Amino acid sequence: LAQARRDTVITYYWPLSDQDPATSRTTALKRTLSQWQGFVSADLLRVHPELDGHIENIDVRVWGHAMIRPTPGFIWGDARASATAHQPPIYFAHSDLSGISIFEEAYCRGQSAGTLAARSLA
């Protein structure tokens, strides 16, 4: 009947953005599972020492995906502006159109594209 559960799952994300993408991929794939587990555990315990002795398992997925890394001038520049130019009946909706890859940007871009598409169908 307990209202609070003590067991939980934590999702941990490490972007590997301190090197160029090719080097980061090579580094990520060369690490063994136990090396990744040690790395994640040490980093988590540094910030949350109360987790010591409570971590039961660390699953690791090396998952590379495209994610925008804006350079100076990109957000207000021509490249981003041209990427946001809709081509009816195609309307673009992606967080990268704002120059930063976060959920809120994806949500707003999706709503905006949906509104434009609905207007064009009306």
Protein backbone atom coordinates (compact mmCIF):
# COMPACT_ATOMS: atom_id res chain seq x y z
CA LEU A 1 0.00 0.00 0.00
CA ALA A 2 3.03 2.28 -0.04
CA GLN A 3 2.46 5.48 -1.98
CA ALA A 4 6.14 6.06 -2.77
CA ARG A 5 8.26 3.58 -4.69
CA ARG A 6 11.95 3.40 -4.00
CA ASP A 7 12.91 1.62 -7.23
CA THR A 8 13.29 3.76 -10.31
CA VAL A 9 14.94 3.93 -13.70
CA ILE A 10 17.28 6.77 -14.58
CA THR A 11 18.03 7.70 -18.17
CA TYR A 12 21.53 9.08 -18.53
CA TYR A 13 22.67 10.88 -21.66
CA TRP A 14 26.25 11.80 -22.51
CA PRO A 15 26.51 13.78 -25.78
CA LEU A 16 30.19 13.15 -26.65
CA SER A 17 30.36 16.61 -28.15
CA ASP A 18 33.88 17.51 -27.02
CA GLN A 19 35.46 16.12 -30.20
CA ASP A 20 34.59 16.07 -33.88
CA PRO A 21 31.79 13.58 -34.71
CA ALA A 22 34.02 10.94 -36.36
CA THR A 23 36.41 10.86 -33.40
CA SER A 24 33.51 10.74 -30.94
CA ARG A 25 31.98 7.78 -32.77
CA THR A 26 35.29 5.92 -32.74
CA THR A 27 35.78 6.64 -29.03
CA ALA A 28 32.24 5.52 -28.19
CA LEU A 29 32.50 2.25 -30.09
CA LYS A 30 35.95 1.35 -28.69
CA ARG A 31 34.75 1.46 -25.08
CA THR A 32 33.64 -1.86 -23.66
CA LEU A 33 30.37 -2.30 -21.79
CA SER A 34 32.21 -2.43 -18.46
CA GLN A 35 34.13 0.76 -19.32
CA TRP A 36 30.86 2.56 -20.14
CA GLN A 37 29.26 1.25 -16.95
CA GLY A 38 32.21 2.47 -14.89
CA PHE A 39 32.15 5.85 -16.59
CA VAL A 40 28.40 6.33 -16.04
CA SER A 41 28.52 5.04 -12.47
CA ALA A 42 31.42 7.30 -11.50
CA ASP A 43 29.73 10.35 -13.02
CA LEU A 44 26.38 9.64 -11.36
CA LEU A 45 27.97 8.99 -7.96
CA ARG A 46 29.98 12.20 -8.21
CA VAL A 47 26.73 14.16 -8.38
CA HIS A 48 24.51 11.77 -6.39
CA PRO A 49 26.68 10.01 -3.79
CA GLU A 50 23.51 8.72 -2.08
CA LEU A 51 23.14 6.24 -4.96
CA ASP A 52 26.24 4.35 -3.82
CA GLY A 53 25.26 0.74 -3.24
CA HIS A 54 21.83 1.20 -4.83
CA ILE A 55 22.64 0.90 -8.52
CA GLU A 56 21.44 -2.54 -9.60
CA ASN A 57 22.12 -2.41 -13.31
CA ILE A 58 23.45 -0.10 -16.01
CA ASP A 59 22.29 -0.82 -19.55
CA VAL A 60 24.25 0.98 -22.24
CA ARG A 61 23.15 1.96 -25.71
CA VAL A 62 25.57 3.82 -27.94
CA TRP A 63 23.09 5.67 -30.06
CA GLY A 64 24.36 8.16 -32.55
CA HIS A 65 21.86 10.50 -34.08
CA ALA A 66 21.97 13.71 -35.97
CA MET A 67 21.66 16.72 -33.74
CA ILE A 68 22.28 20.27 -34.71
CA ARG A 69 25.39 21.97 -33.37
CA PRO A 70 24.94 25.61 -34.33
CA THR A 71 28.03 27.60 -35.17
CA PRO A 72 28.34 31.37 -34.78
CA GLY A 73 26.04 33.14 -37.21
CA PHE A 74 23.81 30.13 -37.86
CA ILE A 75 20.75 31.06 -35.80
CA TRP A 76 20.28 34.44 -37.51
CA GLY A 77 21.97 33.46 -40.79
CA ASP A 78 20.80 32.65 -44.30
CA ALA A 79 21.28 28.85 -44.01
CA ARG A 80 18.77 28.51 -41.19
CA ALA A 81 16.37 30.99 -42.78
CA SER A 82 16.34 29.04 -46.05
CA ALA A 83 15.80 25.77 -44.16
CA THR A 84 12.66 27.21 -42.60
CA ALA A 85 11.15 28.22 -45.95
CA HIS A 86 8.14 25.98 -46.43
CA GLN A 87 7.45 24.52 -49.85
CA PRO A 88 3.68 23.97 -49.93
CA PRO A 89 2.25 21.40 -49.73
CA ILE A 90 5.32 20.46 -47.67
CA TYR A 91 5.71 22.19 -44.31
CA PHE A 92 8.83 21.61 -42.28
CA ALA A 93 8.63 20.86 -38.57
CA HIS A 94 11.83 20.07 -36.72
CA SER A 95 13.56 21.45 -33.65
CA ASP A 96 16.71 22.09 -35.68
CA LEU A 97 14.87 24.78 -37.63
CA SER A 98 15.26 26.95 -34.54
CA GLY A 99 18.98 26.23 -34.27
CA ILE A 100 18.73 24.29 -31.03
CA SER A 101 17.54 20.73 -30.59
CA ILE A 102 15.12 20.70 -27.67
CA PHE A 103 11.61 19.29 -27.25
CA GLU A 104 9.94 22.67 -26.88
CA GLU A 105 11.28 23.83 -30.23
CA ALA A 106 10.09 20.63 -31.92
CA TYR A 107 6.64 21.08 -30.36
CA CYS A 108 6.33 24.71 -31.51
CA ARG A 109 7.62 23.93 -35.00
CA GLY A 110 5.17 21.03 -35.29
CA GLN A 111 2.23 23.18 -34.24
CA SER A 112 3.23 25.94 -36.63
CA ALA A 113 3.62 23.54 -39.58
CA GLY A 114 0.29 21.89 -38.73
CA THR A 115 -1.47 25.26 -38.64
CA LEU A 116 -0.02 26.24 -42.02
CA ALA A 117 -0.94 22.89 -43.55
CA ALA A 118 -4.50 23.11 -42.20
CA ARG A 119 -4.88 26.65 -43.61
CA SER A 120 -3.71 25.51 -47.03
CA LEU A 121 -6.29 22.71 -47.02
CA ALA A 122 -9.15 24.97 -45.95
